[in-house]
Structures are given as structure tokens and as C-alpha cells.
């Protein structure tokens, strides 16, 4: 499965949330509402999630291994950095 498209939508005036993103795989499957977050150790990508009745959040879509997670995260962060550089 290959990433065929990444769209990043920067968010202004927010300390932690930096952008929303969507990723298309093999031109036939999309995951929307990924978030670029500025955490204590830097930027990371949070998967789409839903709030549960007990107040906790559970991912609605997520990779099953670190290799795939890293590939998705790096693709999104690369595009995010490009967007920020051109918008500055």
C-alpha cells in the first residue's frame, strides 16, 4: 500500500493543534481528520479519534505497525513543513 496523496490544512492561532491532514492510499482509500500536534517533544501526527462515554478518546483508524505509522507521519510532517515555509 502506497501513499498517493497527502493534503495538509494548517491551523492558525492555536498553541498545540498545528494542522489537519488527509492521506490517500493507492488512489482508492482516504483517511481524514489526522491532526498535526505540537507536543512536549515536538511535532507528531494524531490519528482520527472519537470521544467515548467515559471521556477518553479511541482512535477510529490507525496503523497496525510502527513502520506504517512512521511512513504516514513523515509524509504528513514533510508536507506540513513545506506549507509553513511557503506561507511564511
PDB file of N, CA and C in Angstrom:
ATOM      1  N   UNK A   1       0.840  -1.168   0.000  1.00  0.00           N
ATOM      2  CA  UNK A   1       0.000   0.000   0.000  1.00  0.00           C
ATOM      3  C   UNK A   1       0.888   1.234   0.000  1.00  0.00           C
ATOM      4  N   UNK A   2       0.652   2.110  -0.954  1.00  0.00           N
ATOM      5  CA  UNK A   2       1.460   3.321  -1.091  1.00  0.00           C
ATOM      6  C   UNK A   2       0.622   4.561  -0.817  1.00  0.00           C
ATOM      7  N   UNK A   3       1.249   5.558  -0.249  1.00  0.00           N
ATOM      8  CA  UNK A   3       0.597   6.851  -0.055  1.00  0.00           C
ATOM      9  C   UNK A   3       0.650   7.583  -1.389  1.00  0.00           C
ATOM     10  N   UNK A   4      -0.523   7.916  -1.936  1.00  0.00           N
ATOM     11  CA  UNK A   4      -0.566   8.566  -3.241  1.00  0.00           C
ATOM     12  C   UNK A   4      -0.924  10.050  -3.157  1.00  0.00           C
ATOM     13  N   UNK A   5      -1.420  10.499  -1.996  1.00  0.00           N
ATOM     14  CA  UNK A   5      -1.733  11.919  -1.852  1.00  0.00           C
ATOM     15  C   UNK A   5      -1.770  12.277  -0.372  1.00  0.00           C
ATOM     16  N   UNK A   6      -1.246  13.443  -0.054  1.00  0.00           N
ATOM     17  CA  UNK A   6      -1.306  13.983   1.304  1.00  0.00           C
ATOM     18  C   UNK A   6      -1.747  15.439   1.188  1.00  0.00           C
ATOM     19  N   UNK A   7      -2.782  15.790   1.933  1.00  0.00           N
ATOM     20  CA  UNK A   7      -3.233  17.180   1.991  1.00  0.00           C
ATOM     21  C   UNK A   7      -3.121  17.643   3.431  1.00  0.00           C
ATOM     22  N   UNK A   8      -2.574  18.835   3.613  1.00  0.00           N
ATOM     23  CA  UNK A   8      -2.392  19.404   4.945  1.00  0.00           C
ATOM     24  C   UNK A   8      -3.042  20.780   4.978  1.00  0.00           C
ATOM     25  N   UNK A   9      -3.800  21.028   6.042  1.00  0.00           N
ATOM     26  CA  UNK A   9      -4.519  22.283   6.213  1.00  0.00           C
ATOM     27  C   UNK A   9      -4.063  22.932   7.521  1.00  0.00           C
ATOM     28  N   UNK A  10      -3.098  23.856   7.448  1.00  0.00           N
ATOM     29  CA  UNK A  10      -2.588  24.493   8.669  1.00  0.00           C
ATOM     30  C   UNK A  10      -3.684  25.248   9.428  1.00  0.00           C
ATOM     31  N   UNK A  11      -3.532  25.258  10.741  1.00  0.00           N
ATOM     32  CA  UNK A  11      -4.444  25.965  11.641  1.00  0.00           C
ATOM     33  C   UNK A  11      -3.660  27.107  12.268  1.00  0.00           C
ATOM     34  N   UNK A  12      -4.230  28.299  12.242  1.00  0.00           N
ATOM     35  CA  UNK A  12      -3.544  29.455  12.817  1.00  0.00           C
ATOM     36  C   UNK A  12      -4.082  29.732  14.220  1.00  0.00           C
ATOM     37  N   UNK A  13      -3.255  30.380  15.016  1.00  0.00           N
ATOM     38  CA  UNK A  13      -3.656  30.840  16.347  1.00  0.00           C
ATOM     39  C   UNK A  13      -4.074  29.709  17.284  1.00  0.00           C
ATOM     40  N   UNK A  14      -3.342  28.613  17.280  1.00  0.00           N
ATOM     41  CA  UNK A  14      -3.593  27.530  18.217  1.00  0.00           C
ATOM     42  C   UNK A  14      -2.246  27.034  18.717  1.00  0.00           C
ATOM     43  N   UNK A  15      -2.074  26.942  20.026  1.00  0.00           N
ATOM     44  CA  UNK A  15      -0.785  26.553  20.592  1.00  0.00           C
ATOM     45  C   UNK A  15      -0.394  25.116  20.253  1.00  0.00           C
ATOM     46  N   UNK A  16      -1.311  24.171  20.408  1.00  0.00           N
ATOM     47  CA  UNK A  16      -0.960  22.762  20.216  1.00  0.00           C
ATOM     48  C   UNK A  16      -1.340  22.208  18.850  1.00  0.00           C
ATOM     49  N   UNK A  17      -2.563  22.464  18.405  1.00  0.00           N
ATOM     50  CA  UNK A  17      -3.017  21.964  17.108  1.00  0.00           C
ATOM     51  C   UNK A  17      -2.425  22.835  16.012  1.00  0.00           C
ATOM     52  N   UNK A  18      -1.623  22.241  15.142  1.00  0.00           N
ATOM     53  CA  UNK A  18      -0.955  22.991  14.085  1.00  0.00           C
ATOM     54  C   UNK A  18      -1.589  22.809  12.715  1.00  0.00           C
ATOM     55  N   UNK A  19      -2.232  21.643  12.480  1.00  0.00           N
ATOM     56  CA  UNK A  19      -2.836  21.397  11.164  1.00  0.00           C
ATOM     57  C   UNK A  19      -3.731  20.166  11.207  1.00  0.00           C
ATOM     58  N   UNK A  20      -4.634  20.098  10.230  1.00  0.00           N
ATOM     59  CA  UNK A  20      -5.386  18.885   9.940  1.00  0.00           C
ATOM     60  C   UNK A  20      -4.808  18.301   8.664  1.00  0.00           C
ATOM     61  N   UNK A  21      -4.981  16.995   8.476  1.00  0.00           N
ATOM     62  CA  UNK A  21      -4.443  16.353   7.274  1.00  0.00           C
ATOM     63  C   UNK A  21      -5.349  15.219   6.819  1.00  0.00           C
ATOM     64  N   UNK A  22      -5.203  14.873   5.541  1.00  0.00           N
ATOM     65  CA  UNK A  22      -5.839  13.676   4.997  1.00  0.00           C
ATOM     66  C   UNK A  22      -4.799  12.951   4.156  1.00  0.00           C
ATOM     67  N   UNK A  23      -4.919  11.625   4.118  1.00  0.00           N
ATOM     68  CA  UNK A  23      -3.965  10.777   3.401  1.00  0.00           C
ATOM     69  C   UNK A  23      -4.746   9.822   2.512  1.00  0.00           C
ATOM     70  N   UNK A  24      -4.320   9.717   1.252  1.00  0.00           N
ATOM     71  CA  UNK A  24      -4.931   8.777   0.307  1.00  0.00           C
ATOM     72  C   UNK A  24      -3.934   7.657   0.036  1.00  0.00           C
ATOM     73  N   UNK A  25      -4.431   6.428   0.079  1.00  0.00           N
ATOM     74  CA  UNK A  25      -3.615   5.248  -0.208  1.00  0.00           C
ATOM     75  C   UNK A  25      -4.055   4.636  -1.523  1.00  0.00           C
ATOM     76  N   UNK A  26      -3.090   4.356  -2.401  1.00  0.00           N
ATOM     77  CA  UNK A  26      -3.334   3.682  -3.686  1.00  0.00           C
ATOM     78  C   UNK A  26      -4.471   4.304  -4.498  1.00  0.00           C
ATOM     79  N   UNK A  27      -4.641   5.627  -4.384  1.00  0.00           N
ATOM     80  CA  UNK A  27      -5.704   6.331  -5.109  1.00  0.00           C
ATOM     81  C   UNK A  27      -7.092   5.746  -4.894  1.00  0.00           C
ATOM     82  N   UNK A  28      -7.295   5.025  -3.750  1.00  0.00           N
ATOM     83  CA  UNK A  28      -8.609   4.405  -3.564  1.00  0.00           C
ATOM     84  C   UNK A  28      -9.096   4.359  -2.117  1.00  0.00           C
ATOM     85  N   UNK A  29      -8.281   4.810  -1.150  1.00  0.00           N
ATOM     86  CA  UNK A  29      -8.707   4.773   0.251  1.00  0.00           C
ATOM     87  C   UNK A  29      -8.191   6.025   0.950  1.00  0.00           C
ATOM     88  N   UNK A  30      -9.081   6.742   1.649  1.00  0.00           N
ATOM     89  CA  UNK A  30      -8.689   8.002   2.286  1.00  0.00           C
ATOM     90  C   UNK A  30      -8.913   7.924   3.801  1.00  0.00           C
ATOM     91  N   UNK A  31      -8.020   8.544   4.534  1.00  0.00           N
ATOM     92  CA  UNK A  31      -8.197   8.756   5.973  1.00  0.00           C
ATOM     93  C   UNK A  31      -8.143  10.255   6.184  1.00  0.00           C
ATOM     94  N   UNK A  32      -9.195  10.804   6.790  1.00  0.00           N
ATOM     95  CA  UNK A  32      -9.292  12.242   7.031  1.00  0.00           C
ATOM     96  C   UNK A  32      -9.181  12.527   8.527  1.00  0.00           C
ATOM     97  N   UNK A  33      -9.032  13.791   8.838  1.00  0.00           N
ATOM     98  CA  UNK A  33      -9.024  14.283  10.222  1.00  0.00           C
ATOM     99  C   UNK A  33      -7.833  13.812  11.050  1.00  0.00           C
ATOM    100  N   UNK A  34      -6.705  13.547  10.396  1.00  0.00           N
ATOM    101  CA  UNK A  34      -5.475  13.373  11.158  1.00  0.00           C
ATOM    102  C   UNK A  34      -5.076  14.760  11.637  1.00  0.00           C
ATOM    103  N   UNK A  35      -4.385  14.853  12.753  1.00  0.00           N
ATOM    104  CA  UNK A  35      -4.017  16.156  13.297  1.00  0.00           C
ATOM    105  C   UNK A  35      -2.516  16.241  13.532  1.00  0.00           C
ATOM    106  N   UNK A  36      -1.927  17.366  13.167  1.00  0.00           N
ATOM    107  CA  UNK A  36      -0.522  17.653  13.488  1.00  0.00           C
ATOM    108  C   UNK A  36      -0.555  18.411  14.809  1.00  0.00           C
ATOM    109  N   UNK A  37       0.091  17.841  15.815  1.00  0.00           N
ATOM    110  CA  UNK A  37       0.076  18.376  17.171  1.00  0.00           C
ATOM    111  C   UNK A  37       1.495  18.745  17.582  1.00  0.00           C
ATOM    112  N   UNK A  38       1.626  19.883  18.287  1.00  0.00           N
ATOM    113  CA  UNK A  38       2.922  20.251  18.864  1.00  0.00           C
ATOM    114  C   UNK A  38       2.896  19.800  20.318  1.00  0.00           C
ATOM    115  N   UNK A  39       3.596  18.693  20.592  1.00  0.00           N
ATOM    116  CA  UNK A  39       3.657  18.148  21.944  1.00  0.00           C
ATOM    117  C   UNK A  39       4.926  18.567  22.656  1.00  0.00           C
ATOM    118  N   UNK A  40       5.186  17.958  23.791  1.00  0.00           N
ATOM    119  CA  UNK A  40       6.352  18.314  24.607  1.00  0.00           C
ATOM    120  C   UNK A  40       7.667  17.950  23.929  1.00  0.00           C
ATOM    121  N   UNK A  41       7.641  16.966  23.029  1.00  0.00           N
ATOM    122  CA  UNK A  41       8.874  16.549  22.352  1.00  0.00           C
ATOM    123  C   UNK A  41       8.921  16.983  20.894  1.00  0.00           C
ATOM    124  N   UNK A  42       7.976  17.842  20.482  1.00  0.00           N
ATOM    125  CA  UNK A  42       7.957  18.311  19.107  1.00  0.00           C
ATOM    126  C   UNK A  42       6.671  17.927  18.398  1.00  0.00           C
ATOM    127  N   UNK A  43       6.704  17.978  17.069  1.00  0.00           N
ATOM    128  CA  UNK A  43       5.524  17.679  16.268  1.00  0.00           C
ATOM    129  C   UNK A  43       5.287  16.178  16.154  1.00  0.00           C
ATOM    130  N   UNK A  44       4.003  15.798  16.176  1.00  0.00           N
ATOM    131  CA  UNK A  44       3.634  14.414  15.891  1.00  0.00           C
ATOM    132  C   UNK A  44       2.261  14.422  15.247  1.00  0.00           C
ATOM    133  N   UNK A  45       1.880  13.284  14.663  1.00  0.00           N
ATOM    134  CA  UNK A  45       0.590  13.156  13.997  1.00  0.00           C
ATOM    135  C   UNK A  45      -0.325  12.293  14.850  1.00  0.00           C
ATOM    136  N   UNK A  46      -1.497  12.834  15.176  1.00  0.00           N
ATOM    137  CA  UNK A  46      -2.512  12.098  15.926  1.00  0.00           C
ATOM    138  C   UNK A  46      -3.527  11.530  14.937  1.00  0.00           C
ATOM    139  N   UNK A  47      -3.892  10.300  15.143  1.00  0.00           N
ATOM    140  CA  UNK A  47      -4.850   9.630  14.274  1.00  0.00           C
ATOM    141  C   UNK A  47      -6.270  10.123  14.584  1.00  0.00           C
ATOM    142  N   UNK A  48      -7.206   9.952  13.647  1.00  0.00           N
ATOM    143  CA  UNK A  48      -8.592  10.344  13.909  1.00  0.00           C
ATOM    144  C   UNK A  48      -9.124   9.560  15.106  1.00  0.00           C
ATOM    145  N   UNK A  49      -9.893  10.223  15.955  1.00  0.00           N
ATOM    146  CA  UNK A  49     -10.399   9.548  17.146  1.00  0.00           C
ATOM    147  C   UNK A  49     -11.790  10.032  17.493  1.00  0.00           C
ATOM    148  N   UNK A  50     -12.412   9.297  18.406  1.00  0.00           N
ATOM    149  CA  UNK A  50     -13.750   9.628  18.880  1.00  0.00           C
ATOM    150  C   UNK A  50     -13.747   9.631  20.395  1.00  0.00           C
ATOM    151  N   UNK A  51     -14.497  10.552  20.964  1.00  0.00           N
ATOM    152  CA  UNK A  51     -14.612  10.612  22.412  1.00  0.00           C
ATOM    153  C   UNK A  51     -15.611   9.556  22.880  1.00  0.00           C
ATOM    154  N   UNK A  52     -15.198   8.786  23.887  1.00  0.00           N
ATOM    155  CA  UNK A  52     -16.067   7.744  24.427  1.00  0.00           C
ATOM    156  C   UNK A  52     -16.899   8.299  25.575  1.00  0.00           C
ATOM    157  N   UNK A  53     -17.874   7.541  26.018  1.00  0.00           N
ATOM    158  CA  UNK A  53     -18.762   7.971  27.093  1.00  0.00           C
ATOM    159  C   UNK A  53     -18.011   8.278  28.383  1.00  0.00           C
ATOM    160  N   UNK A  54     -16.906   7.575  28.619  1.00  0.00           N
ATOM    161  CA  UNK A  54     -16.146   7.798  29.852  1.00  0.00           C
ATOM    162  C   UNK A  54     -15.169   8.983  29.739  1.00  0.00           C
ATOM    163  N   UNK A  55     -15.204   9.697  28.602  1.00  0.00           N
ATOM    164  CA  UNK A  55     -14.364  10.874  28.430  1.00  0.00           C
ATOM    165  C   UNK A  55     -13.020  10.610  27.789  1.00  0.00           C
ATOM    166  N   UNK A  56     -12.656   9.352  27.593  1.00  0.00           N
ATOM    167  CA  UNK A  56     -11.391   9.022  26.938  1.00  0.00           C
ATOM    168  C   UNK A  56     -11.606   9.027  25.423  1.00  0.00           C
ATOM    169  N   UNK A  57     -10.501   9.028  24.700  1.00  0.00           N
ATOM    170  CA  UNK A  57     -10.562   9.015  23.237  1.00  0.00           C
ATOM    171  C   UNK A  57     -10.056   7.688  22.713  1.00  0.00           C
ATOM    172  N   UNK A  58     -10.636   7.227  21.615  1.00  0.00           N
ATOM    173  CA  UNK A  58     -10.213   5.988  20.970  1.00  0.00           C
ATOM    174  C   UNK A  58     -10.031   6.259  19.487  1.00  0.00           C
ATOM    175  N   UNK A  59      -8.874   5.835  18.950  1.00  0.00           N
ATOM    176  CA  UNK A  59      -8.614   6.008  17.519  1.00  0.00           C
ATOM    177  C   UNK A  59      -9.658   5.261  16.705  1.00  0.00           C
ATOM    178  N   UNK A  60     -10.163   5.916  15.656  1.00  0.00           N
ATOM    179  CA  UNK A  60     -11.114   5.259  14.756  1.00  0.00           C
ATOM    180  C   UNK A  60     -10.400   4.608  13.583  1.00  0.00           C
ATOM    181  N   UNK A  61      -9.197   5.068  13.294  1.00  0.00           N
ATOM    182  CA  UNK A  61      -8.357   4.473  12.256  1.00  0.00           C
ATOM    183  C   UNK A  61      -6.915   4.661  12.691  1.00  0.00           C
ATOM    184  N   UNK A  62      -6.124   3.611  12.548  1.00  0.00           N
ATOM    185  CA  UNK A  62      -4.724   3.712  12.944  1.00  0.00           C
ATOM    186  C   UNK A  62      -3.912   2.601  12.305  1.00  0.00           C
ATOM    187  N   UNK A  63      -2.602   2.829  12.113  1.00  0.00           N
ATOM    188  CA  UNK A  63      -1.731   1.795  11.560  1.00  0.00           C
ATOM    189  C   UNK A  63      -1.541   0.665  12.574  1.00  0.00           C
ATOM    190  N   UNK A  64      -1.265  -0.513  12.061  1.00  0.00           N
ATOM    191  CA  UNK A  64      -1.064  -1.671  12.936  1.00  0.00           C
ATOM    192  C   UNK A  64       0.395  -1.918  13.270  1.00  0.00           C
ATOM    193  N   UNK A  65       1.311  -1.153  12.647  1.00  0.00           N
ATOM    194  CA  UNK A  65       2.727  -1.337  12.989  1.00  0.00           C
ATOM    195  C   UNK A  65       3.451   0.006  12.914  1.00  0.00           C
ATOM    196  N   UNK A  66       4.606   0.069  13.550  1.00  0.00           N
ATOM    197  CA  UNK A  66       5.368   1.320  13.624  1.00  0.00           C
ATOM    198  C   UNK A  66       5.896   1.769  12.262  1.00  0.00           C
ATOM    199  N   UNK A  67       6.230   0.837  11.409  1.00  0.00           N
ATOM    200  CA  UNK A  67       6.748   1.184  10.084  1.00  0.00           C
ATOM    201  C   UNK A  67       5.715   2.008   9.302  1.00  0.00           C
ATOM    202  N   UNK A  68       4.473   1.559   9.327  1.00  0.00           N
ATOM    203  CA  UNK A  68       3.410   2.276   8.619  1.00  0.00           C
ATOM    204  C   UNK A  68       3.117   3.607   9.297  1.00  0.00           C
ATOM    205  N   UNK A  69       3.074   3.620  10.616  1.00  0.00           N
ATOM    206  CA  UNK A  69       2.844   4.870  11.355  1.00  0.00           C
ATOM    207  C   UNK A  69       3.922   5.897  11.014  1.00  0.00           C
ATOM    208  N   UNK A  70       5.185   5.456  11.020  1.00  0.00           N
ATOM    209  CA  UNK A  70       6.296   6.362  10.700  1.00  0.00           C
ATOM    210  C   UNK A  70       6.193   6.906   9.280  1.00  0.00           C
ATOM    211  N   UNK A  71       5.799   6.050   8.338  1.00  0.00           N
ATOM    212  CA  UNK A  71       5.669   6.463   6.936  1.00  0.00           C
ATOM    213  C   UNK A  71       4.573   7.518   6.785  1.00  0.00           C
ATOM    214  N   UNK A  72       3.433   7.303   7.422  1.00  0.00           N
ATOM    215  CA  UNK A  72       2.331   8.264   7.363  1.00  0.00           C
ATOM    216  C   UNK A  72       2.745   9.571   8.027  1.00  0.00           C
ATOM    217  N   UNK A  73       3.307   9.461   9.224  1.00  0.00           N
ATOM    218  CA  UNK A  73       3.706  10.657   9.971  1.00  0.00           C
ATOM    219  C   UNK A  73       4.740  11.481   9.206  1.00  0.00           C
ATOM    220  N   UNK A  74       5.742  10.827   8.647  1.00  0.00           N
ATOM    221  CA  UNK A  74       6.788  11.554   7.926  1.00  0.00           C
ATOM    222  C   UNK A  74       6.228  12.233   6.680  1.00  0.00           C
ATOM    223  N   UNK A  75       5.329  11.554   5.974  1.00  0.00           N
ATOM    224  CA  UNK A  75       4.715  12.157   4.780  1.00  0.00           C
ATOM    225  C   UNK A  75       3.930  13.413   5.143  1.00  0.00           C
ATOM    226  N   UNK A  76       3.156  13.346   6.210  1.00  0.00           N
ATOM    227  CA  UNK A  76       2.356  14.493   6.635  1.00  0.00           C
ATOM    228  C   UNK A  76       3.243  15.623   7.129  1.00  0.00           C
ATOM    229  N   UNK A  77       4.234  15.302   7.964  1.00  0.00           N
ATOM    230  CA  UNK A  77       5.104  16.346   8.514  1.00  0.00           C
ATOM    231  C   UNK A  77       5.939  17.026   7.426  1.00  0.00           C
ATOM    232  N   UNK A  78       6.357  16.267   6.409  1.00  0.00           N
ATOM    233  CA  UNK A  78       7.097  16.868   5.291  1.00  0.00           C
ATOM    234  C   UNK A  78       6.237  17.907   4.570  1.00  0.00           C
ATOM    235  N   UNK A  79       4.992  17.556   4.270  1.00  0.00           N
ATOM    236  CA  UNK A  79       4.086  18.478   3.584  1.00  0.00           C
ATOM    237  C   UNK A  79       3.764  19.664   4.501  1.00  0.00           C
ATOM    238  N   UNK A  80       3.576  19.396   5.778  1.00  0.00           N
ATOM    239  CA  UNK A  80       3.309  20.482   6.732  1.00  0.00           C
ATOM    240  C   UNK A  80       4.457  21.491   6.741  1.00  0.00           C
ATOM    241  N   UNK A  81       5.691  21.005   6.797  1.00  0.00           N
ATOM    242  CA  UNK A  81       6.859  21.901   6.806  1.00  0.00           C
ATOM    243  C   UNK A  81       6.932  22.715   5.516  1.00  0.00           C
ATOM    244  N   UNK A  82       6.619  22.089   4.391  1.00  0.00           N
ATOM    245  CA  UNK A  82       6.608  22.803   3.107  1.00  0.00           C
ATOM    246  C   UNK A  82       5.548  23.902   3.109  1.00  0.00           C
ATOM    247  N   UNK A  83       4.352  23.587   3.624  1.00  0.00           N
ATOM    248  CA  UNK A  83       3.265  24.574   3.678  1.00  0.00           C
ATOM    249  C   UNK A  83       3.654  25.750   4.559  1.00  0.00           C
ATOM    250  N   UNK A  84       4.231  25.468   5.707  1.00  0.00           N
ATOM    251  CA  UNK A  84       4.619  26.528   6.649  1.00  0.00           C
ATOM    252  C   UNK A  84       5.696  27.412   6.020  1.00  0.00           C
ATOM    253  N   UNK A  85       6.636  26.797   5.323  1.00  0.00           N
ATOM    254  CA  UNK A  85       7.730  27.558   4.697  1.00  0.00           C
ATOM    255  C   UNK A  85       7.196  28.477   3.598  1.00  0.00           C
ATOM    256  N   UNK A  86       6.213  28.019   2.828  1.00  0.00           N
ATOM    257  CA  UNK A  86       5.685  28.847   1.737  1.00  0.00           C
ATOM    258  C   UNK A  86       4.715  29.912   2.240  1.00  0.00           C
ATOM    259  N   UNK A  87       4.061  29.660   3.366  1.00  0.00           N
ATOM    260  CA  UNK A  87       3.109  30.619   3.922  1.00  0.00           C
ATOM    261  C   UNK A  87       3.796  31.717   4.737  1.00  0.00           C
ATOM    262  N   UNK A  88       5.067  31.511   5.081  1.00  0.00           N
ATOM    263  CA  UNK A  88       5.761  32.484   5.926  1.00  0.00           C
ATOM    264  C   UNK A  88       6.145  33.737   5.188  1.00  0.00           C
TER     265      UNK A  88
END
